[in-house]
Amino acid sequence: MKRKYYSIDASLFTSKEEVHNVLKKVFEGSEYYGSNLDALHDVLTSVCRDVKISLRGLEDSRQFIGEYADGIRQVFEDSAAENKHIKLKIK
């Protein structure tokens, strides 16, 4: 089976609310996605097929979301470490 690819442009994150609006669209098959980092972790660790995730522009979003950018990075990194199906690249 071909690996699914998610490309996330974090420079679109202009507020915490917008972070989760964008991620909800990216992970559209996850209807239980709540608008917080715990829910993001749940979605990522429940992935049960091979996926590639490219997260770019996170530093650009820092001007709008501040230290929340660090939390997003940590969730993606922790989830990828926990879930062997995720191959993560942060640019």
N, C-alpha and C. Protein backbone atom coordinates (compact mmCIF):
# COMPACT_ATOMS: atom_id res chain seq x y z
N MET A 1 0.84 -1.18 0.00
CA MET A 1 0.00 0.00 0.00
C MET A 1 0.89 1.25 0.00
N LYS A 2 0.53 2.22 -0.80
CA LYS A 2 1.29 3.46 -0.90
C LYS A 2 1.14 4.30 0.37
N ARG A 3 2.23 4.91 0.76
CA ARG A 3 2.26 5.77 1.96
C ARG A 3 1.47 7.05 1.68
N LYS A 4 0.58 7.43 2.59
CA LYS A 4 -0.17 8.68 2.48
C LYS A 4 0.75 9.83 2.87
N TYR A 5 0.57 10.97 2.22
CA TYR A 5 1.43 12.13 2.45
C TYR A 5 0.59 13.31 2.91
N TYR A 6 0.99 13.91 4.02
CA TYR A 6 0.36 15.12 4.52
C TYR A 6 1.38 16.24 4.49
N SER A 7 1.02 17.35 3.87
CA SER A 7 1.86 18.53 3.83
C SER A 7 1.15 19.64 4.60
N ILE A 8 1.77 20.09 5.68
CA ILE A 8 1.14 21.09 6.53
C ILE A 8 1.95 22.37 6.50
N ASP A 9 1.31 23.45 6.08
CA ASP A 9 1.96 24.75 6.02
C ASP A 9 1.59 25.52 7.30
N ALA A 10 2.46 25.43 8.27
CA ALA A 10 2.20 26.05 9.58
C ALA A 10 2.25 27.57 9.53
N SER A 11 2.76 28.14 8.45
CA SER A 11 2.75 29.60 8.35
C SER A 11 1.32 30.13 8.27
N LEU A 12 0.36 29.25 8.03
CA LEU A 12 -1.06 29.63 8.02
C LEU A 12 -1.64 29.73 9.43
N PHE A 13 -0.88 29.31 10.43
CA PHE A 13 -1.34 29.34 11.81
C PHE A 13 -1.25 30.75 12.36
N THR A 14 -2.34 31.49 12.29
CA THR A 14 -2.35 32.89 12.75
C THR A 14 -2.96 33.04 14.14
N SER A 15 -3.52 31.94 14.65
CA SER A 15 -4.08 31.92 16.01
C SER A 15 -4.18 30.46 16.43
N LYS A 16 -4.36 30.23 17.72
CA LYS A 16 -4.53 28.85 18.20
C LYS A 16 -5.74 28.21 17.54
N GLU A 17 -6.80 28.99 17.39
CA GLU A 17 -8.02 28.48 16.75
C GLU A 17 -7.73 28.07 15.31
N GLU A 18 -6.96 28.87 14.61
CA GLU A 18 -6.64 28.57 13.22
C GLU A 18 -5.73 27.35 13.10
N VAL A 19 -4.85 27.15 14.08
CA VAL A 19 -4.03 25.93 14.11
C VAL A 19 -4.93 24.72 13.98
N HIS A 20 -5.95 24.67 14.80
CA HIS A 20 -6.80 23.49 14.85
C HIS A 20 -7.78 23.44 13.68
N ASN A 21 -8.17 24.59 13.14
CA ASN A 21 -8.99 24.59 11.92
C ASN A 21 -8.22 23.96 10.77
N VAL A 22 -6.95 24.34 10.63
CA VAL A 22 -6.11 23.80 9.55
C VAL A 22 -5.88 22.31 9.77
N LEU A 23 -5.52 21.92 10.99
CA LEU A 23 -5.23 20.51 11.25
C LEU A 23 -6.47 19.63 11.13
N LYS A 24 -7.61 20.17 11.47
CA LYS A 24 -8.87 19.43 11.32
C LYS A 24 -9.11 19.12 9.85
N LYS A 25 -8.79 20.07 8.98
CA LYS A 25 -8.95 19.85 7.53
C LYS A 25 -7.93 18.83 7.02
N VAL A 26 -6.70 18.94 7.50
CA VAL A 26 -5.64 18.02 7.07
C VAL A 26 -6.00 16.59 7.44
N PHE A 27 -6.43 16.39 8.67
CA PHE A 27 -6.75 15.05 9.16
C PHE A 27 -8.27 14.84 9.12
N GLU A 28 -8.86 15.11 7.98
CA GLU A 28 -10.31 15.12 7.82
C GLU A 28 -11.01 13.82 8.19
N GLY A 29 -10.32 12.70 8.12
CA GLY A 29 -10.94 11.43 8.48
C GLY A 29 -11.08 11.22 9.97
N SER A 30 -10.57 12.15 10.75
CA SER A 30 -10.61 12.02 12.22
C SER A 30 -11.71 12.89 12.78
N GLU A 31 -12.93 12.39 12.74
CA GLU A 31 -14.08 13.21 13.14
C GLU A 31 -14.08 13.56 14.62
N TYR A 32 -13.31 12.85 15.42
CA TYR A 32 -13.29 13.13 16.85
C TYR A 32 -12.20 14.13 17.24
N TYR A 33 -11.57 14.74 16.25
CA TYR A 33 -10.49 15.68 16.54
C TYR A 33 -11.03 16.87 17.33
N GLY A 34 -10.54 17.03 18.53
CA GLY A 34 -10.88 18.19 19.34
C GLY A 34 -9.86 19.29 19.07
N SER A 35 -10.15 20.47 19.46
CA SER A 35 -9.29 21.60 19.12
C SER A 35 -8.26 21.88 20.21
N ASN A 36 -7.36 20.91 20.42
CA ASN A 36 -6.29 21.09 21.40
C ASN A 36 -5.15 20.13 21.07
N LEU A 37 -4.02 20.32 21.73
CA LEU A 37 -2.84 19.50 21.44
C LEU A 37 -3.00 18.06 21.88
N ASP A 38 -3.76 17.80 22.93
CA ASP A 38 -4.02 16.42 23.35
C ASP A 38 -4.77 15.66 22.26
N ALA A 39 -5.75 16.32 21.66
CA ALA A 39 -6.51 15.69 20.58
C ALA A 39 -5.62 15.43 19.37
N LEU A 40 -4.73 16.37 19.07
CA LEU A 40 -3.79 16.17 17.96
C LEU A 40 -2.93 14.94 18.23
N HIS A 41 -2.43 14.81 19.44
CA HIS A 41 -1.64 13.65 19.83
C HIS A 41 -2.44 12.36 19.64
N ASP A 42 -3.70 12.38 20.06
CA ASP A 42 -4.56 11.20 19.91
C ASP A 42 -4.73 10.82 18.44
N VAL A 43 -4.95 11.81 17.59
CA VAL A 43 -5.11 11.55 16.16
C VAL A 43 -3.83 10.95 15.58
N LEU A 44 -2.71 11.55 15.90
CA LEU A 44 -1.44 11.09 15.34
C LEU A 44 -1.05 9.70 15.83
N THR A 45 -1.27 9.43 17.08
CA THR A 45 -0.86 8.12 17.60
C THR A 45 -1.84 7.02 17.21
N SER A 46 -3.01 7.39 16.69
CA SER A 46 -3.97 6.37 16.25
C SER A 46 -3.83 6.04 14.76
N VAL A 47 -2.93 6.70 14.06
CA VAL A 47 -2.70 6.40 12.65
C VAL A 47 -2.21 4.96 12.54
N CYS A 48 -2.88 4.18 11.69
CA CYS A 48 -2.52 2.76 11.60
C CYS A 48 -2.12 2.34 10.19
N ARG A 49 -1.68 3.30 9.40
CA ARG A 49 -1.08 3.01 8.10
C ARG A 49 0.10 3.95 7.92
N ASP A 50 1.00 3.60 7.05
CA ASP A 50 2.20 4.41 6.87
C ASP A 50 1.85 5.77 6.27
N VAL A 51 2.35 6.83 6.92
CA VAL A 51 2.13 8.20 6.46
C VAL A 51 3.44 8.98 6.54
N LYS A 52 3.57 9.93 5.64
CA LYS A 52 4.65 10.91 5.69
C LYS A 52 4.00 12.25 6.03
N ILE A 53 4.58 12.94 6.98
CA ILE A 53 4.07 14.25 7.36
C ILE A 53 5.20 15.26 7.21
N SER A 54 4.93 16.29 6.42
CA SER A 54 5.86 17.39 6.27
C SER A 54 5.24 18.61 6.95
N LEU A 55 5.92 19.13 7.94
CA LEU A 55 5.45 20.30 8.68
C LEU A 55 6.45 21.42 8.42
N ARG A 56 5.99 22.44 7.72
CA ARG A 56 6.90 23.53 7.37
C ARG A 56 6.29 24.87 7.80
N GLY A 57 7.16 25.85 8.01
CA GLY A 57 6.70 27.19 8.34
C GLY A 57 6.33 27.41 9.79
N LEU A 58 6.70 26.47 10.65
CA LEU A 58 6.32 26.59 12.05
C LEU A 58 6.95 27.82 12.71
N GLU A 59 8.19 28.10 12.38
CA GLU A 59 8.84 29.29 12.95
C GLU A 59 8.15 30.57 12.48
N ASP A 60 7.62 30.57 11.27
CA ASP A 60 6.90 31.74 10.76
C ASP A 60 5.63 32.02 11.57
N SER A 61 5.03 30.95 12.07
CA SER A 61 3.77 31.11 12.84
C SER A 61 4.02 31.65 14.24
N ARG A 62 5.25 31.57 14.70
CA ARG A 62 5.58 31.99 16.06
C ARG A 62 5.17 33.44 16.34
N GLN A 63 5.22 34.29 15.34
CA GLN A 63 4.84 35.69 15.54
C GLN A 63 3.36 35.83 15.93
N PHE A 64 2.55 34.83 15.57
CA PHE A 64 1.12 34.87 15.87
C PHE A 64 0.74 34.00 17.07
N ILE A 65 1.40 32.84 17.19
CA ILE A 65 0.97 31.89 18.23
C ILE A 65 2.00 31.69 19.33
N GLY A 66 3.13 32.38 19.23
CA GLY A 66 4.13 32.36 20.29
C GLY A 66 4.64 30.96 20.62
N GLU A 67 4.73 30.68 21.92
CA GLU A 67 5.28 29.41 22.39
C GLU A 67 4.39 28.21 22.06
N TYR A 68 3.18 28.45 21.62
CA TYR A 68 2.30 27.35 21.21
C TYR A 68 2.95 26.57 20.06
N ALA A 69 3.79 27.25 19.27
CA ALA A 69 4.52 26.60 18.18
C ALA A 69 5.42 25.49 18.74
N ASP A 70 6.01 25.72 19.90
CA ASP A 70 6.85 24.69 20.54
C ASP A 70 6.01 23.48 20.93
N GLY A 71 4.82 23.72 21.41
CA GLY A 71 3.92 22.63 21.78
C GLY A 71 3.52 21.80 20.57
N ILE A 72 3.25 22.47 19.47
CA ILE A 72 2.89 21.77 18.24
C ILE A 72 4.05 20.88 17.79
N ARG A 73 5.24 21.45 17.76
CA ARG A 73 6.42 20.68 17.36
C ARG A 73 6.60 19.47 18.27
N GLN A 74 6.45 19.68 19.56
CA GLN A 74 6.64 18.59 20.52
C GLN A 74 5.63 17.47 20.31
N VAL A 75 4.38 17.84 20.05
CA VAL A 75 3.34 16.82 19.82
C VAL A 75 3.66 16.00 18.58
N PHE A 76 4.04 16.68 17.50
CA PHE A 76 4.38 15.94 16.28
C PHE A 76 5.59 15.03 16.50
N GLU A 77 6.61 15.54 17.16
CA GLU A 77 7.81 14.73 17.40
C GLU A 77 7.52 13.56 18.33
N ASP A 78 6.80 13.80 19.41
CA ASP A 78 6.47 12.73 20.35
C ASP A 78 5.60 11.66 19.69
N SER A 79 4.62 12.11 18.92
CA SER A 79 3.72 11.18 18.25
C SER A 79 4.46 10.32 17.23
N ALA A 80 5.37 10.94 16.49
CA ALA A 80 6.16 10.18 15.51
C ALA A 80 7.06 9.17 16.21
N ALA A 81 7.58 9.53 17.38
CA ALA A 81 8.42 8.60 18.14
C ALA A 81 7.60 7.42 18.67
N GLU A 82 6.34 7.68 19.00
CA GLU A 82 5.47 6.64 19.54
C GLU A 82 4.85 5.76 18.47
N ASN A 83 4.63 6.32 17.29
CA ASN A 83 3.90 5.61 16.24
C ASN A 83 4.83 5.31 15.06
N LYS A 84 5.14 4.04 14.86
CA LYS A 84 6.07 3.62 13.81
C LYS A 84 5.54 3.88 12.41
N HIS A 85 4.27 4.19 12.26
CA HIS A 85 3.68 4.46 10.95
C HIS A 85 3.96 5.88 10.45
N ILE A 86 4.44 6.74 11.33
CA ILE A 86 4.65 8.14 10.96
C ILE A 86 6.11 8.41 10.64
N LYS A 87 6.32 8.96 9.46
CA LYS A 87 7.64 9.48 9.09
C LYS A 87 7.47 11.00 9.03
N LEU A 88 8.18 11.71 9.90
CA LEU A 88 8.00 13.15 10.09
C LEU A 88 9.20 13.93 9.58
N LYS A 89 8.91 15.02 8.88
CA LYS A 89 9.95 15.96 8.48
C LYS A 89 9.47 17.36 8.85
N ILE A 90 10.26 18.05 9.65
CA ILE A 90 9.92 19.42 10.03
C ILE A 90 10.97 20.33 9.39
N LYS A 91 10.48 21.30 8.64
CA LYS A 91 11.36 22.23 7.92
C LYS A 91 11.27 23.61 8.52
